[in-house]
């Protein structure tokens, strides 16, 4: 196991899968609520499908990942040998995602810092 700093983000980063794989970036999915369906962004609903729903003016909302989901992700990346984690997210003014990441970081098995753009 190599000692490295892991990067965790959320699905709103919309990074190409090849970029994420190349740089070892892990994304925690938000839940997209489309009508009466709650779907995991990136696995149960694609970016293309989400964009089409927005173009058709269908009601779309999102729900932040739970602190538990972030905690599980932080544990998983720590098990790969990460010496620390940098967790990058959208603004706390737009979503509770940042707050969920901060809560989970307090219990992370390795040092974990969350950052959000101003």
N, C-alpha and C. Protein backbone atom coordinates (compact mmCIF):
# COMPACT_ATOMS: atom_id res chain seq x y z
N UNK A 1 0.84 -1.19 0.00
CA UNK A 1 0.00 0.00 0.00
C UNK A 1 0.88 1.24 0.00
N UNK A 2 0.56 2.14 -0.90
CA UNK A 2 1.32 3.38 -0.95
C UNK A 2 0.71 4.41 -0.02
N UNK A 3 1.54 5.27 0.52
CA UNK A 3 1.07 6.37 1.37
C UNK A 3 0.90 7.57 0.47
N UNK A 4 -0.33 8.03 0.35
CA UNK A 4 -0.66 9.14 -0.55
C UNK A 4 -1.77 9.97 0.08
N UNK A 5 -2.04 11.09 -0.49
CA UNK A 5 -3.19 11.91 -0.09
C UNK A 5 -4.30 11.62 -1.09
N UNK A 6 -5.41 11.16 -0.57
CA UNK A 6 -6.55 10.83 -1.42
C UNK A 6 -7.40 12.08 -1.66
N UNK A 7 -8.06 12.11 -2.79
CA UNK A 7 -8.97 13.20 -3.12
C UNK A 7 -10.38 12.62 -3.18
N UNK A 8 -11.29 13.25 -2.42
CA UNK A 8 -12.70 12.88 -2.43
C UNK A 8 -13.47 14.12 -2.84
N UNK A 9 -14.46 13.95 -3.68
CA UNK A 9 -15.33 15.04 -4.08
C UNK A 9 -16.76 14.51 -4.09
N UNK A 10 -17.67 15.27 -4.60
CA UNK A 10 -19.03 14.78 -4.74
C UNK A 10 -19.39 14.77 -6.22
N UNK A 11 -20.53 14.18 -6.52
CA UNK A 11 -20.90 13.99 -7.93
C UNK A 11 -21.13 15.30 -8.68
N UNK A 12 -21.28 16.42 -7.97
CA UNK A 12 -21.46 17.69 -8.68
C UNK A 12 -20.17 18.20 -9.31
N UNK A 13 -19.06 17.52 -9.07
CA UNK A 13 -17.80 17.91 -9.72
C UNK A 13 -17.86 17.59 -11.22
N UNK A 14 -18.66 16.60 -11.58
CA UNK A 14 -18.83 16.19 -12.98
C UNK A 14 -17.50 15.99 -13.70
N UNK A 15 -16.58 15.30 -13.03
CA UNK A 15 -15.30 14.99 -13.66
C UNK A 15 -15.46 13.77 -14.55
N UNK A 16 -14.78 13.76 -15.68
CA UNK A 16 -14.84 12.59 -16.55
C UNK A 16 -14.30 11.35 -15.83
N UNK A 17 -14.93 10.20 -16.02
CA UNK A 17 -14.48 8.97 -15.35
C UNK A 17 -13.00 8.67 -15.57
N UNK A 18 -12.49 8.91 -16.76
CA UNK A 18 -11.06 8.64 -17.03
C UNK A 18 -10.17 9.54 -16.17
N UNK A 19 -10.57 10.79 -15.98
CA UNK A 19 -9.79 11.71 -15.14
C UNK A 19 -9.81 11.24 -13.70
N UNK A 20 -10.97 10.84 -13.23
CA UNK A 20 -11.08 10.36 -11.85
C UNK A 20 -10.23 9.11 -11.63
N UNK A 21 -10.29 8.22 -12.58
CA UNK A 21 -9.51 6.99 -12.47
C UNK A 21 -8.01 7.28 -12.52
N UNK A 22 -7.60 8.12 -13.45
CA UNK A 22 -6.18 8.45 -13.62
C UNK A 22 -5.60 9.08 -12.35
N UNK A 23 -6.39 9.92 -11.68
CA UNK A 23 -5.89 10.64 -10.51
C UNK A 23 -6.37 10.05 -9.19
N UNK A 24 -7.08 8.94 -9.25
CA UNK A 24 -7.52 8.27 -8.03
C UNK A 24 -8.52 9.09 -7.23
N UNK A 25 -9.40 9.81 -7.90
CA UNK A 25 -10.39 10.66 -7.24
C UNK A 25 -11.65 9.84 -7.00
N UNK A 26 -12.20 9.97 -5.80
CA UNK A 26 -13.42 9.26 -5.44
C UNK A 26 -14.55 10.27 -5.32
N UNK A 27 -15.70 9.98 -5.92
CA UNK A 27 -16.86 10.88 -5.85
C UNK A 27 -17.97 10.24 -5.02
N UNK A 28 -18.50 11.03 -4.10
CA UNK A 28 -19.65 10.61 -3.30
C UNK A 28 -20.90 11.15 -4.01
N UNK A 29 -21.86 10.28 -4.33
CA UNK A 29 -23.02 10.74 -5.11
C UNK A 29 -24.05 11.51 -4.29
N UNK A 30 -24.60 12.55 -4.90
CA UNK A 30 -25.78 13.21 -4.34
C UNK A 30 -26.99 12.43 -4.83
N UNK A 31 -28.11 12.61 -4.16
CA UNK A 31 -29.35 12.03 -4.61
C UNK A 31 -30.10 13.07 -5.41
N UNK A 32 -30.53 12.70 -6.59
CA UNK A 32 -31.33 13.57 -7.45
C UNK A 32 -32.77 13.11 -7.34
N UNK A 33 -33.66 14.03 -7.01
CA UNK A 33 -35.08 13.71 -6.93
C UNK A 33 -35.73 14.27 -8.18
N UNK A 34 -36.21 13.35 -9.01
CA UNK A 34 -36.81 13.69 -10.29
C UNK A 34 -38.26 13.22 -10.23
N UNK A 35 -39.18 14.18 -10.08
CA UNK A 35 -40.57 13.80 -9.87
C UNK A 35 -40.69 13.12 -8.52
N UNK A 36 -41.11 11.85 -8.52
CA UNK A 36 -41.23 11.11 -7.27
C UNK A 36 -40.14 10.04 -7.13
N UNK A 37 -39.12 10.12 -7.99
CA UNK A 37 -38.03 9.15 -7.95
C UNK A 37 -36.78 9.75 -7.35
N UNK A 38 -36.19 9.07 -6.38
CA UNK A 38 -34.90 9.45 -5.81
C UNK A 38 -33.84 8.56 -6.45
N UNK A 39 -32.88 9.19 -7.15
CA UNK A 39 -31.88 8.45 -7.92
C UNK A 39 -30.48 8.90 -7.52
N UNK A 40 -29.56 7.95 -7.46
CA UNK A 40 -28.18 8.27 -7.14
C UNK A 40 -27.50 8.85 -8.37
N UNK A 41 -26.99 10.09 -8.22
CA UNK A 41 -26.36 10.77 -9.35
C UNK A 41 -25.10 10.03 -9.77
N UNK A 42 -25.01 9.78 -11.07
CA UNK A 42 -23.83 9.12 -11.62
C UNK A 42 -23.97 7.63 -11.79
N UNK A 43 -24.88 7.00 -11.04
CA UNK A 43 -25.08 5.56 -11.21
C UNK A 43 -26.51 5.25 -11.64
N UNK A 44 -27.48 5.87 -10.99
CA UNK A 44 -28.88 5.61 -11.33
C UNK A 44 -29.46 6.65 -12.28
N UNK A 45 -28.80 7.79 -12.38
CA UNK A 45 -29.18 8.81 -13.36
C UNK A 45 -27.90 9.44 -13.91
N UNK A 46 -27.83 9.52 -15.21
CA UNK A 46 -26.64 10.08 -15.86
C UNK A 46 -26.73 11.60 -15.94
N UNK A 47 -25.61 12.21 -16.18
CA UNK A 47 -25.57 13.66 -16.38
C UNK A 47 -26.45 14.05 -17.56
N UNK A 48 -26.41 13.27 -18.61
CA UNK A 48 -27.21 13.55 -19.80
C UNK A 48 -28.71 13.51 -19.48
N UNK A 49 -29.14 12.48 -18.75
CA UNK A 49 -30.56 12.37 -18.39
C UNK A 49 -30.99 13.53 -17.48
N UNK A 50 -30.11 13.91 -16.58
CA UNK A 50 -30.41 15.03 -15.70
C UNK A 50 -30.54 16.33 -16.50
N UNK A 51 -29.63 16.55 -17.44
CA UNK A 51 -29.69 17.75 -18.29
C UNK A 51 -30.97 17.76 -19.12
N UNK A 52 -31.37 16.60 -19.64
CA UNK A 52 -32.61 16.52 -20.43
C UNK A 52 -33.82 16.85 -19.58
N UNK A 53 -33.84 16.37 -18.35
CA UNK A 53 -34.96 16.67 -17.45
C UNK A 53 -35.03 18.16 -17.17
N UNK A 54 -33.89 18.79 -16.98
CA UNK A 54 -33.86 20.23 -16.74
C UNK A 54 -34.32 21.01 -17.97
N UNK A 55 -33.89 20.56 -19.16
CA UNK A 55 -34.31 21.22 -20.40
C UNK A 55 -35.83 21.13 -20.59
N UNK A 56 -36.40 20.03 -20.16
CA UNK A 56 -37.85 19.84 -20.28
C UNK A 56 -38.60 20.49 -19.12
N UNK A 57 -37.86 21.18 -18.26
CA UNK A 57 -38.42 21.89 -17.10
C UNK A 57 -39.16 20.96 -16.15
N UNK A 58 -38.65 19.74 -16.03
CA UNK A 58 -39.21 18.82 -15.05
C UNK A 58 -38.70 19.23 -13.68
N UNK A 59 -39.48 19.05 -12.63
CA UNK A 59 -39.01 19.41 -11.29
C UNK A 59 -37.85 18.50 -10.86
N UNK A 60 -36.73 19.12 -10.53
CA UNK A 60 -35.54 18.39 -10.12
C UNK A 60 -35.01 19.05 -8.85
N UNK A 61 -34.75 18.23 -7.84
CA UNK A 61 -34.07 18.72 -6.63
C UNK A 61 -32.96 17.74 -6.30
N UNK A 62 -32.10 18.14 -5.39
CA UNK A 62 -31.03 17.25 -4.95
C UNK A 62 -31.07 17.13 -3.43
N UNK A 63 -30.47 16.08 -2.97
CA UNK A 63 -30.33 15.84 -1.54
C UNK A 63 -28.88 15.49 -1.27
N UNK A 64 -28.31 16.10 -0.27
CA UNK A 64 -26.90 15.88 0.04
C UNK A 64 -26.64 14.45 0.47
N UNK A 65 -25.42 13.99 0.28
CA UNK A 65 -25.04 12.68 0.82
C UNK A 65 -25.06 12.75 2.35
N UNK A 66 -25.31 11.66 2.98
CA UNK A 66 -25.32 11.64 4.44
C UNK A 66 -23.89 11.68 4.98
N UNK A 67 -23.72 12.19 6.21
CA UNK A 67 -22.40 12.12 6.82
C UNK A 67 -21.89 10.67 6.89
N UNK A 68 -22.80 9.72 7.09
CA UNK A 68 -22.40 8.31 7.14
C UNK A 68 -21.80 7.85 5.82
N UNK A 69 -22.37 8.29 4.69
CA UNK A 69 -21.83 7.91 3.38
C UNK A 69 -20.43 8.49 3.20
N UNK A 70 -20.23 9.74 3.63
CA UNK A 70 -18.89 10.32 3.58
C UNK A 70 -17.94 9.54 4.48
N UNK A 71 -18.39 9.20 5.69
CA UNK A 71 -17.53 8.47 6.63
C UNK A 71 -17.11 7.12 6.05
N UNK A 72 -18.05 6.41 5.42
CA UNK A 72 -17.73 5.14 4.77
C UNK A 72 -16.71 5.34 3.65
N UNK A 73 -16.88 6.41 2.88
CA UNK A 73 -15.95 6.70 1.79
C UNK A 73 -14.57 7.02 2.35
N UNK A 74 -14.50 7.83 3.38
CA UNK A 74 -13.20 8.18 4.00
C UNK A 74 -12.51 6.93 4.54
N UNK A 75 -13.27 6.03 5.19
CA UNK A 75 -12.67 4.78 5.69
C UNK A 75 -12.13 3.94 4.53
N UNK A 76 -12.94 3.86 3.45
CA UNK A 76 -12.53 3.04 2.30
C UNK A 76 -11.24 3.56 1.67
N UNK A 77 -11.14 4.89 1.48
CA UNK A 77 -9.91 5.40 0.86
C UNK A 77 -8.73 5.32 1.82
N UNK A 78 -8.98 5.42 3.13
CA UNK A 78 -7.89 5.25 4.10
C UNK A 78 -7.34 3.83 4.03
N UNK A 79 -8.23 2.86 3.78
CA UNK A 79 -7.80 1.46 3.68
C UNK A 79 -6.91 1.20 2.47
N UNK A 80 -6.93 2.12 1.48
CA UNK A 80 -6.06 1.96 0.32
C UNK A 80 -4.65 2.46 0.60
N UNK A 81 -4.43 2.97 1.82
CA UNK A 81 -3.10 3.45 2.18
C UNK A 81 -2.97 4.96 2.22
N UNK A 82 -4.07 5.67 2.11
CA UNK A 82 -4.00 7.13 2.13
C UNK A 82 -3.53 7.61 3.50
N UNK A 83 -2.58 8.53 3.49
CA UNK A 83 -2.09 9.13 4.72
C UNK A 83 -2.95 10.31 5.14
N UNK A 84 -3.74 10.82 4.20
CA UNK A 84 -4.64 11.94 4.45
C UNK A 84 -5.63 12.04 3.33
N UNK A 85 -6.65 12.88 3.54
CA UNK A 85 -7.71 13.04 2.54
C UNK A 85 -7.99 14.52 2.37
N UNK A 86 -8.08 14.95 1.12
CA UNK A 86 -8.57 16.29 0.79
C UNK A 86 -9.95 16.07 0.17
N UNK A 87 -10.95 16.72 0.76
CA UNK A 87 -12.33 16.53 0.32
C UNK A 87 -12.84 17.86 -0.23
N UNK A 88 -13.14 17.90 -1.53
CA UNK A 88 -13.52 19.13 -2.24
C UNK A 88 -15.00 19.11 -2.62
N UNK A 89 -15.72 20.19 -2.26
CA UNK A 89 -17.17 20.19 -2.48
C UNK A 89 -17.69 21.55 -2.89
N UNK A 90 -18.95 21.55 -3.37
CA UNK A 90 -19.58 22.80 -3.74
C UNK A 90 -19.83 23.63 -2.48
N UNK A 91 -20.12 24.87 -2.66
CA UNK A 91 -20.26 25.83 -1.59
C UNK A 91 -21.30 25.42 -0.56
N UNK A 92 -20.99 25.65 0.71
CA UNK A 92 -21.94 25.40 1.79
C UNK A 92 -23.17 26.30 1.65
N UNK A 93 -23.03 27.38 0.91
CA UNK A 93 -24.17 28.28 0.69
C UNK A 93 -25.19 27.67 -0.28
N UNK A 94 -24.77 26.67 -1.05
CA UNK A 94 -25.65 26.05 -2.04
C UNK A 94 -26.20 24.70 -1.61
N UNK A 95 -25.49 24.03 -0.71
CA UNK A 95 -25.85 22.65 -0.39
C UNK A 95 -25.35 22.28 1.00
N UNK A 96 -26.00 21.28 1.58
CA UNK A 96 -25.55 20.73 2.86
C UNK A 96 -24.44 19.71 2.69
N UNK A 97 -23.98 19.50 1.45
CA UNK A 97 -22.94 18.51 1.17
C UNK A 97 -21.67 18.81 1.97
N UNK A 98 -21.26 20.07 1.97
CA UNK A 98 -20.05 20.46 2.69
C UNK A 98 -20.18 20.13 4.17
N UNK A 99 -21.32 20.47 4.78
CA UNK A 99 -21.52 20.19 6.20
C UNK A 99 -21.46 18.70 6.50
N UNK A 100 -22.03 17.88 5.63
CA UNK A 100 -21.99 16.43 5.81
C UNK A 100 -20.56 15.92 5.75
N UNK A 101 -19.76 16.48 4.83
CA UNK A 101 -18.35 16.07 4.71
C UNK A 101 -17.56 16.48 5.95
N UNK A 102 -17.82 17.67 6.46
CA UNK A 102 -17.11 18.14 7.66
C UNK A 102 -17.44 17.26 8.86
N UNK A 103 -18.71 16.92 9.03
CA UNK A 103 -19.10 16.04 10.14
C UNK A 103 -18.38 14.70 10.05
N UNK A 104 -18.34 14.13 8.86
CA UNK A 104 -17.69 12.83 8.67
C UNK A 104 -16.18 12.94 8.87
N UNK A 105 -15.59 14.06 8.49
CA UNK A 105 -14.13 14.23 8.61
C UNK A 105 -13.67 14.15 10.06
N UNK A 106 -14.53 14.52 10.98
CA UNK A 106 -14.17 14.47 12.41
C UNK A 106 -13.87 13.06 12.87
N UNK A 107 -14.46 12.07 12.21
CA UNK A 107 -14.29 10.67 12.58
C UNK A 107 -13.39 9.90 11.62
N UNK A 108 -12.83 10.57 10.64
CA UNK A 108 -12.02 9.89 9.63
C UNK A 108 -10.80 9.24 10.27
N UNK A 109 -10.40 8.08 9.77
CA UNK A 109 -9.25 7.37 10.35
C UNK A 109 -7.90 8.01 10.02
N UNK A 110 -7.88 8.96 9.11
CA UNK A 110 -6.66 9.70 8.76
C UNK A 110 -7.04 11.18 8.71
N UNK A 111 -6.04 12.08 8.78
CA UNK A 111 -6.38 13.51 8.69
C UNK A 111 -7.18 13.80 7.42
N UNK A 112 -8.25 14.58 7.59
CA UNK A 112 -9.15 14.86 6.49
C UNK A 112 -9.54 16.33 6.54
N UNK A 113 -9.28 17.03 5.45
CA UNK A 113 -9.65 18.43 5.38
C UNK A 113 -10.66 18.63 4.27
N UNK A 114 -11.73 19.36 4.58
CA UNK A 114 -12.73 19.67 3.55
C UNK A 114 -12.55 21.11 3.10
N UNK A 115 -12.77 21.32 1.84
CA UNK A 115 -12.61 22.67 1.28
C UNK A 115 -13.77 22.93 0.34
N UNK A 116 -14.24 24.13 0.36
CA UNK A 116 -15.29 24.53 -0.55
C UNK A 116 -14.92 25.90 -1.10
N UNK A 117 -15.18 26.16 -2.37
CA UNK A 117 -14.86 27.48 -2.90
C UNK A 117 -15.73 28.53 -2.23
N UNK A 118 -15.17 29.74 -2.04
CA UNK A 118 -15.82 30.85 -1.38
C UNK A 118 -17.15 31.08 -1.91
